[in-house]
């Protein structure tokens, strides 16, 4: 992905604005439409691949089995696992929110 020189502060504000837009969408079908408009098919596939492996990793499923079930690369699975351990906590927050709402669709 091509990177532009962007101030970290500006990027943080842009990410916060994107997060605000996602949170403002109350219906899942509106969020899906927003994501389809926002992302290329390849980006959407990459994002959904990462999200699909999160619950499997949290259940302790081995990487190879996750790959066999999802066809997601072992490299991507490993990156998601590292992010679960050392990331910003977003995956865990999303899983917790879905569990609390009773709408877990992963």
PDB file of N, CA and C in Angstrom:
ATOM      1  N   UNK A   1       0.837  -1.159   0.000  1.00  0.00           N
ATOM      2  CA  UNK A   1       0.000   0.000   0.000  1.00  0.00           C
ATOM      3  C   UNK A   1       0.890   1.232   0.000  1.00  0.00           C
ATOM      4  N   UNK A   2       0.580   2.180  -0.835  1.00  0.00           N
ATOM      5  CA  UNK A   2       1.359   3.400  -0.922  1.00  0.00           C
ATOM      6  C   UNK A   2       1.065   4.280   0.283  1.00  0.00           C
ATOM      7  N   UNK A   3       2.113   4.777   0.915  1.00  0.00           N
ATOM      8  CA  UNK A   3       1.954   5.626   2.096  1.00  0.00           C
ATOM      9  C   UNK A   3       2.276   7.065   1.734  1.00  0.00           C
ATOM     10  N   UNK A   4       1.464   7.970   2.223  1.00  0.00           N
ATOM     11  CA  UNK A   4       1.741   9.392   2.075  1.00  0.00           C
ATOM     12  C   UNK A   4       2.369   9.885   3.356  1.00  0.00           C
ATOM     13  N   UNK A   5       3.058  10.989   3.243  1.00  0.00           N
ATOM     14  CA  UNK A   5       3.581  11.615   4.450  1.00  0.00           C
ATOM     15  C   UNK A   5       2.411  12.321   5.131  1.00  0.00           C
ATOM     16  N   UNK A   6       1.975  11.778   6.262  1.00  0.00           N
ATOM     17  CA  UNK A   6       0.855  12.345   7.005  1.00  0.00           C
ATOM     18  C   UNK A   6       1.300  12.500   8.445  1.00  0.00           C
ATOM     19  N   UNK A   7       0.975  13.634   9.009  1.00  0.00           N
ATOM     20  CA  UNK A   7       1.267  13.830  10.421  1.00  0.00           C
ATOM     21  C   UNK A   7       0.518  12.784  11.228  1.00  0.00           C
ATOM     22  N   UNK A   8       1.157  12.226  12.222  1.00  0.00           N
ATOM     23  CA  UNK A   8       0.524  11.221  13.079  1.00  0.00           C
ATOM     24  C   UNK A   8      -0.751  11.779  13.692  1.00  0.00           C
ATOM     25  N   UNK A   9      -0.718  13.046  14.079  1.00  0.00           N
ATOM     26  CA  UNK A   9      -1.888  13.695  14.670  1.00  0.00           C
ATOM     27  C   UNK A   9      -3.047  13.734  13.674  1.00  0.00           C
ATOM     28  N   UNK A  10      -2.761  14.085  12.416  1.00  0.00           N
ATOM     29  CA  UNK A  10      -3.792  14.131  11.386  1.00  0.00           C
ATOM     30  C   UNK A  10      -4.367  12.744  11.123  1.00  0.00           C
ATOM     31  N   UNK A  11      -3.518  11.729  11.097  1.00  0.00           N
ATOM     32  CA  UNK A  11      -3.978  10.365  10.879  1.00  0.00           C
ATOM     33  C   UNK A  11      -4.885   9.931  12.025  1.00  0.00           C
ATOM     34  N   UNK A  12      -4.498  10.248  13.232  1.00  0.00           N
ATOM     35  CA  UNK A  12      -5.329   9.924  14.395  1.00  0.00           C
ATOM     36  C   UNK A  12      -6.701  10.565  14.309  1.00  0.00           C
ATOM     37  N   UNK A  13      -6.757  11.797  13.874  1.00  0.00           N
ATOM     38  CA  UNK A  13      -8.044  12.480  13.709  1.00  0.00           C
ATOM     39  C   UNK A  13      -8.871  11.830  12.609  1.00  0.00           C
ATOM     40  N   UNK A  14      -8.214  11.438  11.524  1.00  0.00           N
ATOM     41  CA  UNK A  14      -8.922  10.793  10.416  1.00  0.00           C
ATOM     42  C   UNK A  14      -9.474   9.433  10.848  1.00  0.00           C
ATOM     43  N   UNK A  15      -8.694   8.673  11.596  1.00  0.00           N
ATOM     44  CA  UNK A  15      -9.159   7.374  12.098  1.00  0.00           C
ATOM     45  C   UNK A  15     -10.327   7.580  13.056  1.00  0.00           C
ATOM     46  N   UNK A  16     -10.240   8.592  13.910  1.00  0.00           N
ATOM     47  CA  UNK A  16     -11.336   8.886  14.836  1.00  0.00           C
ATOM     48  C   UNK A  16     -12.606   9.262  14.069  1.00  0.00           C
ATOM     49  N   UNK A  17     -12.459  10.008  12.999  1.00  0.00           N
ATOM     50  CA  UNK A  17     -13.621  10.359  12.179  1.00  0.00           C
ATOM     51  C   UNK A  17     -14.247   9.142  11.522  1.00  0.00           C
ATOM     52  N   UNK A  18     -13.409   8.237  11.055  1.00  0.00           N
ATOM     53  CA  UNK A  18     -13.899   6.988  10.468  1.00  0.00           C
ATOM     54  C   UNK A  18     -14.615   6.154  11.526  1.00  0.00           C
ATOM     55  N   UNK A  19     -14.029   6.079  12.709  1.00  0.00           N
ATOM     56  CA  UNK A  19     -14.662   5.339  13.805  1.00  0.00           C
ATOM     57  C   UNK A  19     -16.020   5.954  14.151  1.00  0.00           C
ATOM     58  N   UNK A  20     -16.096   7.275  14.170  1.00  0.00           N
ATOM     59  CA  UNK A  20     -17.376   7.943  14.440  1.00  0.00           C
ATOM     60  C   UNK A  20     -18.423   7.553  13.403  1.00  0.00           C
ATOM     61  N   UNK A  21     -18.020   7.499  12.141  1.00  0.00           N
ATOM     62  CA  UNK A  21     -18.957   7.121  11.080  1.00  0.00           C
ATOM     63  C   UNK A  21     -19.450   5.692  11.273  1.00  0.00           C
ATOM     64  N   UNK A  22     -18.549   4.782  11.617  1.00  0.00           N
ATOM     65  CA  UNK A  22     -18.949   3.387  11.831  1.00  0.00           C
ATOM     66  C   UNK A  22     -19.897   3.254  13.014  1.00  0.00           C
ATOM     67  N   UNK A  23     -19.598   3.937  14.101  1.00  0.00           N
ATOM     68  CA  UNK A  23     -20.441   3.859  15.293  1.00  0.00           C
ATOM     69  C   UNK A  23     -21.812   4.474  15.033  1.00  0.00           C
ATOM     70  N   UNK A  24     -21.875   5.486  14.191  1.00  0.00           N
ATOM     71  CA  UNK A  24     -23.143   6.153  13.902  1.00  0.00           C
ATOM     72  C   UNK A  24     -24.102   5.276  13.096  1.00  0.00           C
ATOM     73  N   UNK A  25     -23.559   4.289  12.388  1.00  0.00           N
ATOM     74  CA  UNK A  25     -24.397   3.397  11.589  1.00  0.00           C
ATOM     75  C   UNK A  25     -25.010   2.348  12.505  1.00  0.00           C
ATOM     76  N   UNK A  26     -26.283   2.408  12.683  1.00  0.00           N
ATOM     77  CA  UNK A  26     -26.964   1.537  13.646  1.00  0.00           C
ATOM     78  C   UNK A  26     -27.344   0.184  13.067  1.00  0.00           C
ATOM     79  N   UNK A  27     -27.628   0.139  11.771  1.00  0.00           N
ATOM     80  CA  UNK A  27     -28.079  -1.110  11.162  1.00  0.00           C
ATOM     81  C   UNK A  27     -26.906  -1.816  10.486  1.00  0.00           C
ATOM     82  N   UNK A  28     -26.780  -3.137  10.701  1.00  0.00           N
ATOM     83  CA  UNK A  28     -25.674  -3.871  10.068  1.00  0.00           C
ATOM     84  C   UNK A  28     -25.638  -3.708   8.545  1.00  0.00           C
ATOM     85  N   UNK A  29     -26.797  -3.653   7.911  1.00  0.00           N
ATOM     86  CA  UNK A  29     -26.805  -3.512   6.446  1.00  0.00           C
ATOM     87  C   UNK A  29     -26.236  -2.165   6.015  1.00  0.00           C
ATOM     88  N   UNK A  30     -26.421  -1.112   6.839  1.00  0.00           N
ATOM     89  CA  UNK A  30     -25.820   0.184   6.527  1.00  0.00           C
ATOM     90  C   UNK A  30     -24.302   0.130   6.697  1.00  0.00           C
ATOM     91  N   UNK A  31     -23.848  -0.554   7.735  1.00  0.00           N
ATOM     92  CA  UNK A  31     -22.409  -0.708   7.946  1.00  0.00           C
ATOM     93  C   UNK A  31     -21.780  -1.508   6.811  1.00  0.00           C
ATOM     94  N   UNK A  32     -22.465  -2.557   6.361  1.00  0.00           N
ATOM     95  CA  UNK A  32     -21.961  -3.352   5.228  1.00  0.00           C
ATOM     96  C   UNK A  32     -21.852  -2.494   3.973  1.00  0.00           C
ATOM     97  N   UNK A  33     -22.874  -1.696   3.703  1.00  0.00           N
ATOM     98  CA  UNK A  33     -22.845  -0.824   2.529  1.00  0.00           C
ATOM     99  C   UNK A  33     -21.706   0.191   2.628  1.00  0.00           C
ATOM    100  N   UNK A  34     -21.512   0.745   3.820  1.00  0.00           N
ATOM    101  CA  UNK A  34     -20.426   1.700   4.038  1.00  0.00           C
ATOM    102  C   UNK A  34     -19.075   1.041   3.771  1.00  0.00           C
ATOM    103  N   UNK A  35     -18.869  -0.159   4.315  1.00  0.00           N
ATOM    104  CA  UNK A  35     -17.600  -0.868   4.107  1.00  0.00           C
ATOM    105  C   UNK A  35     -17.384  -1.210   2.638  1.00  0.00           C
ATOM    106  N   UNK A  36     -18.446  -1.603   1.944  1.00  0.00           N
ATOM    107  CA  UNK A  36     -18.318  -1.921   0.520  1.00  0.00           C
ATOM    108  C   UNK A  36     -17.971  -0.680  -0.296  1.00  0.00           C
ATOM    109  N   UNK A  37     -18.511   0.479   0.101  1.00  0.00           N
ATOM    110  CA  UNK A  37     -18.180   1.730  -0.584  1.00  0.00           C
ATOM    111  C   UNK A  37     -16.768   2.199  -0.243  1.00  0.00           C
ATOM    112  N   UNK A  38     -16.361   1.985   0.987  1.00  0.00           N
ATOM    113  CA  UNK A  38     -15.080   2.479   1.474  1.00  0.00           C
ATOM    114  C   UNK A  38     -13.898   1.658   0.973  1.00  0.00           C
ATOM    115  N   UNK A  39     -14.054   0.352   0.925  1.00  0.00           N
ATOM    116  CA  UNK A  39     -12.935  -0.556   0.648  1.00  0.00           C
ATOM    117  C   UNK A  39     -13.010  -1.141  -0.750  1.00  0.00           C
ATOM    118  N   UNK A  40     -11.829  -1.438  -1.291  1.00  0.00           N
ATOM    119  CA  UNK A  40     -11.788  -2.220  -2.519  1.00  0.00           C
ATOM    120  C   UNK A  40     -12.153  -3.663  -2.162  1.00  0.00           C
ATOM    121  N   UNK A  41     -12.526  -4.470  -3.146  1.00  0.00           N
ATOM    122  CA  UNK A  41     -12.799  -5.878  -2.833  1.00  0.00           C
ATOM    123  C   UNK A  41     -11.624  -6.575  -2.140  1.00  0.00           C
ATOM    124  N   UNK A  42     -10.396  -6.278  -2.560  1.00  0.00           N
ATOM    125  CA  UNK A  42      -9.224  -6.903  -1.936  1.00  0.00           C
ATOM    126  C   UNK A  42      -9.060  -6.445  -0.484  1.00  0.00           C
ATOM    127  N   UNK A  43      -9.294  -5.167  -0.223  1.00  0.00           N
ATOM    128  CA  UNK A  43      -9.201  -4.661   1.149  1.00  0.00           C
ATOM    129  C   UNK A  43     -10.270  -5.288   2.028  1.00  0.00           C
ATOM    130  N   UNK A  44     -11.466  -5.383   1.499  1.00  0.00           N
ATOM    131  CA  UNK A  44     -12.562  -5.980   2.257  1.00  0.00           C
ATOM    132  C   UNK A  44     -12.282  -7.452   2.551  1.00  0.00           C
ATOM    133  N   UNK A  45     -11.713  -8.146   1.581  1.00  0.00           N
ATOM    134  CA  UNK A  45     -11.350  -9.549   1.804  1.00  0.00           C
ATOM    135  C   UNK A  45     -10.283  -9.661   2.892  1.00  0.00           C
ATOM    136  N   UNK A  46      -9.280  -8.786   2.854  1.00  0.00           N
ATOM    137  CA  UNK A  46      -8.214  -8.826   3.859  1.00  0.00           C
ATOM    138  C   UNK A  46      -8.758  -8.541   5.256  1.00  0.00           C
ATOM    139  N   UNK A  47      -9.636  -7.564   5.361  1.00  0.00           N
ATOM    140  CA  UNK A  47     -10.225  -7.213   6.657  1.00  0.00           C
ATOM    141  C   UNK A  47     -11.078  -8.364   7.183  1.00  0.00           C
ATOM    142  N   UNK A  48     -11.903  -8.923   6.333  1.00  0.00           N
ATOM    143  CA  UNK A  48     -12.773 -10.007   6.784  1.00  0.00           C
ATOM    144  C   UNK A  48     -11.976 -11.270   7.107  1.00  0.00           C
ATOM    145  N   UNK A  49     -10.893 -11.514   6.368  1.00  0.00           N
ATOM    146  CA  UNK A  49     -10.027 -12.653   6.704  1.00  0.00           C
ATOM    147  C   UNK A  49      -9.496 -12.505   8.124  1.00  0.00           C
ATOM    148  N   UNK A  50      -9.012 -11.312   8.445  1.00  0.00           N
ATOM    149  CA  UNK A  50      -8.479 -11.084   9.794  1.00  0.00           C
ATOM    150  C   UNK A  50      -9.554 -11.280  10.841  1.00  0.00           C
ATOM    151  N   UNK A  51     -10.725 -10.714  10.576  1.00  0.00           N
ATOM    152  CA  UNK A  51     -11.810 -10.804  11.561  1.00  0.00           C
ATOM    153  C   UNK A  51     -12.287 -12.243  11.755  1.00  0.00           C
ATOM    154  N   UNK A  52     -12.326 -13.024  10.678  1.00  0.00           N
ATOM    155  CA  UNK A  52     -12.795 -14.415  10.776  1.00  0.00           C
ATOM    156  C   UNK A  52     -11.914 -15.278  11.665  1.00  0.00           C
ATOM    157  N   UNK A  53     -10.627 -14.967  11.750  1.00  0.00           N
ATOM    158  CA  UNK A  53      -9.751 -15.812  12.556  1.00  0.00           C
ATOM    159  C   UNK A  53      -9.732 -15.418  14.031  1.00  0.00           C
ATOM    160  N   UNK A  54     -10.196 -14.226  14.361  1.00  0.00           N
ATOM    161  CA  UNK A  54     -10.146 -13.773  15.756  1.00  0.00           C
ATOM    162  C   UNK A  54     -10.840 -14.744  16.704  1.00  0.00           C
ATOM    163  N   UNK A  55     -12.117 -15.097  16.475  1.00  0.00           N
ATOM    164  CA  UNK A  55     -12.759 -15.996  17.441  1.00  0.00           C
ATOM    165  C   UNK A  55     -12.089 -17.365  17.515  1.00  0.00           C
ATOM    166  N   UNK A  56     -11.544 -17.833  16.408  1.00  0.00           N
ATOM    167  CA  UNK A  56     -10.866 -19.130  16.418  1.00  0.00           C
ATOM    168  C   UNK A  56      -9.593 -19.066  17.255  1.00  0.00           C
ATOM    169  N   UNK A  57      -8.857 -17.968  17.132  1.00  0.00           N
ATOM    170  CA  UNK A  57      -7.671 -17.794  17.959  1.00  0.00           C
ATOM    171  C   UNK A  57      -8.039 -17.700  19.435  1.00  0.00           C
ATOM    172  N   UNK A  58      -9.120 -16.984  19.732  1.00  0.00           N
ATOM    173  CA  UNK A  58      -9.556 -16.850  21.121  1.00  0.00           C
ATOM    174  C   UNK A  58     -10.008 -18.191  21.703  1.00  0.00           C
ATOM    175  N   UNK A  59     -10.450 -19.102  20.839  1.00  0.00           N
ATOM    176  CA  UNK A  59     -10.844 -20.442  21.280  1.00  0.00           C
ATOM    177  C   UNK A  59      -9.644 -21.374  21.389  1.00  0.00           C
ATOM    178  N   UNK A  60      -8.464 -20.891  20.994  1.00  0.00           N
ATOM    179  CA  UNK A  60      -7.257 -21.706  21.082  1.00  0.00           C
ATOM    180  C   UNK A  60      -7.071 -22.687  19.943  1.00  0.00           C
ATOM    181  N   UNK A  61      -7.759 -22.478  18.828  1.00  0.00           N
ATOM    182  CA  UNK A  61      -7.617 -23.367  17.675  1.00  0.00           C
ATOM    183  C   UNK A  61      -6.212 -23.179  17.090  1.00  0.00           C
ATOM    184  N   UNK A  62      -5.501 -24.260  16.796  1.00  0.00           N
ATOM    185  CA  UNK A  62      -4.153 -24.148  16.215  1.00  0.00           C
ATOM    186  C   UNK A  62      -4.175 -23.448  14.847  1.00  0.00           C
ATOM    187  N   UNK A  63      -3.094 -22.754  14.545  1.00  0.00           N
ATOM    188  CA  UNK A  63      -2.987 -21.991  13.299  1.00  0.00           C
ATOM    189  C   UNK A  63      -3.304 -22.848  12.079  1.00  0.00           C
ATOM    190  N   UNK A  64      -2.734 -24.040  12.005  1.00  0.00           N
ATOM    191  CA  UNK A  64      -2.926 -24.887  10.827  1.00  0.00           C
ATOM    192  C   UNK A  64      -4.396 -25.253  10.664  1.00  0.00           C
ATOM    193  N   UNK A  65      -5.080 -25.531  11.764  1.00  0.00           N
ATOM    194  CA  UNK A  65      -6.501 -25.857  11.685  1.00  0.00           C
ATOM    195  C   UNK A  65      -7.316 -24.632  11.246  1.00  0.00           C
ATOM    196  N   UNK A  66      -6.932 -23.461  11.747  1.00  0.00           N
ATOM    197  CA  UNK A  66      -7.615 -22.230  11.311  1.00  0.00           C
ATOM    198  C   UNK A  66      -7.432 -22.066   9.804  1.00  0.00           C
ATOM    199  N   UNK A  67      -6.214 -22.278   9.337  1.00  0.00           N
ATOM    200  CA  UNK A  67      -5.952 -22.190   7.895  1.00  0.00           C
ATOM    201  C   UNK A  67      -6.814 -23.187   7.122  1.00  0.00           C
ATOM    202  N   UNK A  68      -6.886 -24.414   7.608  1.00  0.00           N
ATOM    203  CA  UNK A  68      -7.672 -25.440   6.924  1.00  0.00           C
ATOM    204  C   UNK A  68      -9.157 -25.075   6.886  1.00  0.00           C
ATOM    205  N   UNK A  69      -9.653 -24.476   7.951  1.00  0.00           N
ATOM    206  CA  UNK A  69     -11.078 -24.107   8.011  1.00  0.00           C
ATOM    207  C   UNK A  69     -11.409 -22.865   7.182  1.00  0.00           C
ATOM    208  N   UNK A  70     -10.461 -21.913   7.128  1.00  0.00           N
ATOM    209  CA  UNK A  70     -10.781 -20.600   6.556  1.00  0.00           C
ATOM    210  C   UNK A  70     -10.050 -20.267   5.268  1.00  0.00           C
ATOM    211  N   UNK A  71      -8.968 -20.979   4.980  1.00  0.00           N
ATOM    212  CA  UNK A  71      -8.071 -20.694   3.845  1.00  0.00           C
ATOM    213  C   UNK A  71      -7.306 -19.387   4.034  1.00  0.00           C
ATOM    214  N   UNK A  72      -7.325 -18.829   5.229  1.00  0.00           N
ATOM    215  CA  UNK A  72      -6.522 -17.646   5.535  1.00  0.00           C
ATOM    216  C   UNK A  72      -5.089 -18.117   5.748  1.00  0.00           C
ATOM    217  N   UNK A  73      -4.132 -17.341   5.236  1.00  0.00           N
ATOM    218  CA  UNK A  73      -2.731 -17.760   5.331  1.00  0.00           C
ATOM    219  C   UNK A  73      -2.270 -17.822   6.787  1.00  0.00           C
ATOM    220  N   UNK A  74      -1.347 -18.726   7.027  1.00  0.00           N
ATOM    221  CA  UNK A  74      -0.786 -18.877   8.373  1.00  0.00           C
ATOM    222  C   UNK A  74      -0.073 -17.591   8.784  1.00  0.00           C
ATOM    223  N   UNK A  75       0.511 -16.884   7.827  1.00  0.00           N
ATOM    224  CA  UNK A  75       1.165 -15.608   8.120  1.00  0.00           C
ATOM    225  C   UNK A  75       0.163 -14.595   8.644  1.00  0.00           C
ATOM    226  N   UNK A  76      -0.982 -14.487   7.984  1.00  0.00           N
ATOM    227  CA  UNK A  76      -2.028 -13.563   8.437  1.00  0.00           C
ATOM    228  C   UNK A  76      -2.544 -13.979   9.808  1.00  0.00           C
ATOM    229  N   UNK A  77      -2.735 -15.260  10.001  1.00  0.00           N
ATOM    230  CA  UNK A  77      -3.199 -15.763  11.299  1.00  0.00           C
ATOM    231  C   UNK A  77      -2.209 -15.365  12.396  1.00  0.00           C
ATOM    232  N   UNK A  78      -0.929 -15.519  12.120  1.00  0.00           N
ATOM    233  CA  UNK A  78       0.093 -15.134  13.082  1.00  0.00           C
ATOM    234  C   UNK A  78       0.084 -13.648  13.382  1.00  0.00           C
ATOM    235  N   UNK A  79      -0.130 -12.832  12.361  1.00  0.00           N
ATOM    236  CA  UNK A  79      -0.203 -11.382  12.575  1.00  0.00           C
ATOM    237  C   UNK A  79      -1.395 -11.010  13.444  1.00  0.00           C
ATOM    238  N   UNK A  80      -2.527 -11.644  13.182  1.00  0.00           N
ATOM    239  CA  UNK A  80      -3.711 -11.382  14.005  1.00  0.00           C
ATOM    240  C   UNK A  80      -3.464 -11.824  15.439  1.00  0.00           C
ATOM    241  N   UNK A  81      -2.833 -12.958  15.614  1.00  0.00           N
ATOM    242  CA  UNK A  81      -2.534 -13.455  16.965  1.00  0.00           C
ATOM    243  C   UNK A  81      -1.632 -12.473  17.708  1.00  0.00           C
ATOM    244  N   UNK A  82      -0.610 -11.943  17.033  1.00  0.00           N
ATOM    245  CA  UNK A  82       0.276 -10.952  17.668  1.00  0.00           C
ATOM    246  C   UNK A  82      -0.501  -9.697  18.033  1.00  0.00           C
ATOM    247  N   UNK A  83      -1.404  -9.280  17.158  1.00  0.00           N
ATOM    248  CA  UNK A  83      -2.206  -8.088  17.436  1.00  0.00           C
ATOM    249  C   UNK A  83      -3.137  -8.333  18.617  1.00  0.00           C
ATOM    250  N   UNK A  84      -3.700  -9.525  18.706  1.00  0.00           N
ATOM    251  CA  UNK A  84      -4.533  -9.856  19.863  1.00  0.00           C
ATOM    252  C   UNK A  84      -3.736  -9.742  21.154  1.00  0.00           C
ATOM    253  N   UNK A  85      -2.483 -10.147  21.124  1.00  0.00           N
ATOM    254  CA  UNK A  85      -1.636 -10.124  22.318  1.00  0.00           C
ATOM    255  C   UNK A  85      -1.084  -8.741  22.629  1.00  0.00           C
ATOM    256  N   UNK A  86      -0.675  -8.003  21.582  1.00  0.00           N
ATOM    257  CA  UNK A  86       0.064  -6.756  21.807  1.00  0.00           C
ATOM    258  C   UNK A  86      -0.539  -5.540  21.131  1.00  0.00           C
ATOM    259  N   UNK A  87      -1.724  -5.676  20.575  1.00  0.00           N
ATOM    260  CA  UNK A  87      -2.336  -4.565  19.850  1.00  0.00           C
ATOM    261  C   UNK A  87      -3.016  -3.568  20.769  1.00  0.00           C
ATOM    262  N   UNK A  88      -3.871  -2.763  20.185  1.00  0.00           N
ATOM    263  CA  UNK A  88      -4.565  -1.702  20.914  1.00  0.00           C
ATOM    264  C   UNK A  88      -5.780  -2.201  21.686  1.00  0.00           C
ATOM    265  N   UNK A  89      -6.136  -3.469  21.511  1.00  0.00           N
ATOM    266  CA  UNK A  89      -7.287  -4.028  22.226  1.00  0.00           C
ATOM    267  C   UNK A  89      -8.593  -3.941  21.472  1.00  0.00           C
ATOM    268  N   UNK A  90      -8.522  -3.547  20.217  1.00  0.00           N
ATOM    269  CA  UNK A  90      -9.736  -3.385  19.423  1.00  0.00           C
ATOM    270  C   UNK A  90     -10.469  -4.676  19.122  1.00  0.00           C
ATOM    271  N   UNK A  91      -9.722  -5.732  18.815  1.00  0.00           N
ATOM    272  CA  UNK A  91     -10.377  -7.016  18.547  1.00  0.00           C
ATOM    273  C   UNK A  91     -11.149  -7.476  19.778  1.00  0.00           C
ATOM    274  N   UNK A  92     -10.509  -7.421  20.936  1.00  0.00           N
ATOM    275  CA  UNK A  92     -11.162  -7.866  22.171  1.00  0.00           C
ATOM    276  C   UNK A  92     -12.372  -6.997  22.489  1.00  0.00           C
ATOM    277  N   UNK A  93     -12.254  -5.691  22.283  1.00  0.00           N
ATOM    278  CA  UNK A  93     -13.379  -4.788  22.549  1.00  0.00           C
ATOM    279  C   UNK A  93     -14.560  -5.114  21.638  1.00  0.00           C
ATOM    280  N   UNK A  94     -14.274  -5.409  20.373  1.00  0.00           N
ATOM    281  CA  UNK A  94     -15.348  -5.731  19.431  1.00  0.00           C
ATOM    282  C   UNK A  94     -16.024  -7.051  19.794  1.00  0.00           C
ATOM    283  N   UNK A  95     -15.232  -8.058  20.133  1.00  0.00           N
ATOM    284  CA  UNK A  95     -15.794  -9.353  20.530  1.00  0.00           C
ATOM    285  C   UNK A  95     -16.644  -9.183  21.788  1.00  0.00           C
ATOM    286  N   UNK A  96     -16.126  -8.446  22.774  1.00  0.00           N
ATOM    287  CA  UNK A  96     -16.884  -8.213  24.010  1.00  0.00           C
ATOM    288  C   UNK A  96     -18.195  -7.492  23.728  1.00  0.00           C
ATOM    289  N   UNK A  97     -18.149  -6.482  22.853  1.00  0.00           N
ATOM    290  CA  UNK A  97     -19.364  -5.729  22.525  1.00  0.00           C
ATOM    291  C   UNK A  97     -20.384  -6.623  21.826  1.00  0.00           C
ATOM    292  N   UNK A  98     -19.920  -7.458  20.921  1.00  0.00           N
ATOM    293  CA  UNK A  98     -20.832  -8.370  20.225  1.00  0.00           C
ATOM    294  C   UNK A  98     -21.429  -9.391  21.192  1.00  0.00           C
ATOM    295  N   UNK A  99     -20.601  -9.904  22.076  1.00  0.00           N
ATOM    296  CA  UNK A  99     -21.107 -10.862  23.071  1.00  0.00           C
ATOM    297  C   UNK A  99     -22.136 -10.210  23.993  1.00  0.00           C
ATOM    298  N   UNK A 100     -21.872  -8.997  24.405  1.00  0.00           N
ATOM    299  CA  UNK A 100     -22.782  -8.255  25.284  1.00  0.00           C
ATOM    300  C   UNK A 100     -24.111  -7.988  24.582  1.00  0.00           C
ATOM    301  N   UNK A 101     -24.021  -7.628  23.309  1.00  0.00           N
ATOM    302  CA  UNK A 101     -25.226  -7.323  22.536  1.00  0.00           C
ATOM    303  C   UNK A 101     -25.954  -8.593  22.085  1.00  0.00           C
ATOM    304  N   UNK A 102     -25.275  -9.727  22.182  1.00  0.00           N
ATOM    305  CA  UNK A 102     -25.875 -10.985  21.744  1.00  0.00           C
ATOM    306  C   UNK A 102     -25.994 -11.093  20.236  1.00  0.00           C
ATOM    307  N   UNK A 103     -25.145 -10.374  19.513  1.00  0.00           N
ATOM    308  CA  UNK A 103     -25.213 -10.381  18.043  1.00  0.00           C
ATOM    309  C   UNK A 103     -23.903 -10.829  17.432  1.00  0.00           C
ATOM    310  N   UNK A 104     -23.308 -11.820  17.995  1.00  0.00           N
ATOM    311  CA  UNK A 104     -22.014 -12.287  17.483  1.00  0.00           C
ATOM    312  C   UNK A 104     -22.200 -12.991  16.162  1.00  0.00           C
ATOM    313  N   UNK A 105     -21.632 -12.433  15.106  1.00  0.00           N
ATOM    314  CA  UNK A 105     -21.765 -12.984  13.755  1.00  0.00           C
ATOM    315  C   UNK A 105     -20.401 -13.221  13.142  1.00  0.00           C
ATOM    316  N   UNK A 106     -19.541 -13.901  13.889  1.00  0.00           N
ATOM    317  CA  UNK A 106     -18.193 -14.174  13.372  1.00  0.00           C
ATOM    318  C   UNK A 106     -17.966 -15.662  13.306  1.00  0.00           C
TER     319      UNK A 106
END
